[in-house]
Amino acid sequence: MPVRLTLGRAGAAEALISLAVSIIFLIAFTWLSVAIYRSNVLVYSDAGVLKSMRKSWQIWRSEQGK
């Protein structure tokens, strides 16, 4: 987007929309990361990355049902 702005191929409205979408996704992914970290901070596993992520997701989902 910065290159498009400097070349004059994008307007201010497009830049603001792009910034708004970026901020919304930043907030959403930060919230999700904090929620998963909070429920899995003391969970240790010697399994691979994918198995650990699956276990973390299951723990987080089970805590959401409470």
C-alpha atoms as a PDB file:
ATOM      1  CA  MET A   1       0.000   0.000   0.000  1.00  0.00           C
ATOM      2  CA  PRO A   2       2.771   2.560   0.702  1.00  0.00           C
ATOM      3  CA  VAL A   3       4.173   2.064  -2.796  1.00  0.00           C
ATOM      4  CA  ARG A   4       0.740   2.425  -4.359  1.00  0.00           C
ATOM      5  CA  LEU A   5       0.212   5.644  -2.389  1.00  0.00           C
ATOM      6  CA  THR A   6       3.516   7.160  -3.488  1.00  0.00           C
ATOM      7  CA  LEU A   7       2.873   6.243  -7.130  1.00  0.00           C
ATOM      8  CA  GLY A   8      -0.581   7.808  -6.939  1.00  0.00           C
ATOM      9  CA  ARG A   9      -2.418   4.573  -7.762  1.00  0.00           C
ATOM     10  CA  ALA A  10      -4.324   4.459  -4.479  1.00  0.00           C
ATOM     11  CA  GLY A  11      -6.371   7.159  -2.860  1.00  0.00           C
ATOM     12  CA  ALA A  12      -6.749   8.225   0.739  1.00  0.00           C
ATOM     13  CA  ALA A  13     -10.001   6.282   1.102  1.00  0.00           C
ATOM     14  CA  GLU A  14      -8.330   3.049   0.031  1.00  0.00           C
ATOM     15  CA  ALA A  15      -5.486   3.676   2.469  1.00  0.00           C
ATOM     16  CA  LEU A  16      -7.915   4.254   5.332  1.00  0.00           C
ATOM     17  CA  ILE A  17      -9.878   1.106   4.488  1.00  0.00           C
ATOM     18  CA  SER A  18      -6.638  -0.879   4.387  1.00  0.00           C
ATOM     19  CA  LEU A  19      -5.569   0.558   7.738  1.00  0.00           C
ATOM     20  CA  ALA A  20      -8.959  -0.210   9.314  1.00  0.00           C
ATOM     21  CA  VAL A  21      -8.907  -3.819   8.101  1.00  0.00           C
ATOM     22  CA  SER A  22      -5.350  -4.256   9.416  1.00  0.00           C
ATOM     23  CA  ILE A  23      -6.277  -2.889  12.844  1.00  0.00           C
ATOM     24  CA  ILE A  24      -9.376  -5.117  13.075  1.00  0.00           C
ATOM     25  CA  PHE A  25      -7.356  -8.244  12.259  1.00  0.00           C
ATOM     26  CA  LEU A  26      -4.600  -7.204  14.686  1.00  0.00           C
ATOM     27  CA  ILE A  27      -7.125  -6.893  17.504  1.00  0.00           C
ATOM     28  CA  ALA A  28      -8.833 -10.191  16.608  1.00  0.00           C
ATOM     29  CA  PHE A  29      -5.618 -12.211  16.429  1.00  0.00           C
ATOM     30  CA  THR A  30      -4.258 -10.609  19.600  1.00  0.00           C
ATOM     31  CA  TRP A  31      -7.457 -11.549  21.449  1.00  0.00           C
ATOM     32  CA  LEU A  32      -7.276 -15.122  20.137  1.00  0.00           C
ATOM     33  CA  SER A  33      -3.597 -15.441  21.066  1.00  0.00           C
ATOM     34  CA  VAL A  34      -4.190 -14.142  24.579  1.00  0.00           C
ATOM     35  CA  ALA A  35      -7.152 -16.478  25.087  1.00  0.00           C
ATOM     36  CA  ILE A  36      -5.208 -19.543  23.944  1.00  0.00           C
ATOM     37  CA  TYR A  37      -2.101 -18.559  25.916  1.00  0.00           C
ATOM     38  CA  ARG A  38      -4.135 -17.966  29.063  1.00  0.00           C
ATOM     39  CA  SER A  39      -5.622 -21.457  28.948  1.00  0.00           C
ATOM     40  CA  ASN A  40      -2.381 -23.226  27.982  1.00  0.00           C
ATOM     41  CA  VAL A  41       0.363 -21.392  29.818  1.00  0.00           C
ATOM     42  CA  LEU A  42       1.331 -24.428  31.911  1.00  0.00           C
ATOM     43  CA  VAL A  43       0.633 -27.180  29.374  1.00  0.00           C
ATOM     44  CA  TYR A  44       3.793 -29.017  28.344  1.00  0.00           C
ATOM     45  CA  SER A  45       4.053 -31.537  25.559  1.00  0.00           C
ATOM     46  CA  ASP A  46       6.848 -33.451  23.873  1.00  0.00           C
ATOM     47  CA  ALA A  47       4.675 -34.085  20.839  1.00  0.00           C
ATOM     48  CA  GLY A  48       5.146 -32.282  17.541  1.00  0.00           C
ATOM     49  CA  VAL A  49       3.978 -28.774  16.844  1.00  0.00           C
ATOM     50  CA  LEU A  50       0.720 -29.792  15.177  1.00  0.00           C
ATOM     51  CA  LYS A  51      -0.260 -32.150  18.002  1.00  0.00           C
ATOM     52  CA  SER A  52       0.548 -29.479  20.576  1.00  0.00           C
ATOM     53  CA  MET A  53      -1.526 -26.927  18.698  1.00  0.00           C
ATOM     54  CA  ARG A  54      -4.435 -29.375  18.433  1.00  0.00           C
ATOM     55  CA  LYS A  55      -4.259 -30.079  22.177  1.00  0.00           C
ATOM     56  CA  SER A  56      -4.127 -26.349  22.934  1.00  0.00           C
ATOM     57  CA  TRP A  57      -7.175 -25.758  20.731  1.00  0.00           C
ATOM     58  CA  GLN A  58      -9.087 -28.545  22.505  1.00  0.00           C
ATOM     59  CA  ILE A  59      -8.238 -27.136  25.935  1.00  0.00           C
ATOM     60  CA  TRP A  60      -9.265 -23.651  24.883  1.00  0.00           C
ATOM     61  CA  ARG A  61     -12.562 -24.931  23.417  1.00  0.00           C
ATOM     62  CA  SER A  62     -13.358 -26.929  26.566  1.00  0.00           C
ATOM     63  CA  GLU A  63     -12.773 -23.848  28.729  1.00  0.00           C
ATOM     64  CA  GLN A  64     -15.088 -21.781  26.523  1.00  0.00           C
ATOM     65  CA  GLY A  65     -17.933 -24.211  27.268  1.00  0.00           C
ATOM     66  CA  LYS A  66     -17.798 -23.488  31.017  1.00  0.00           C
END
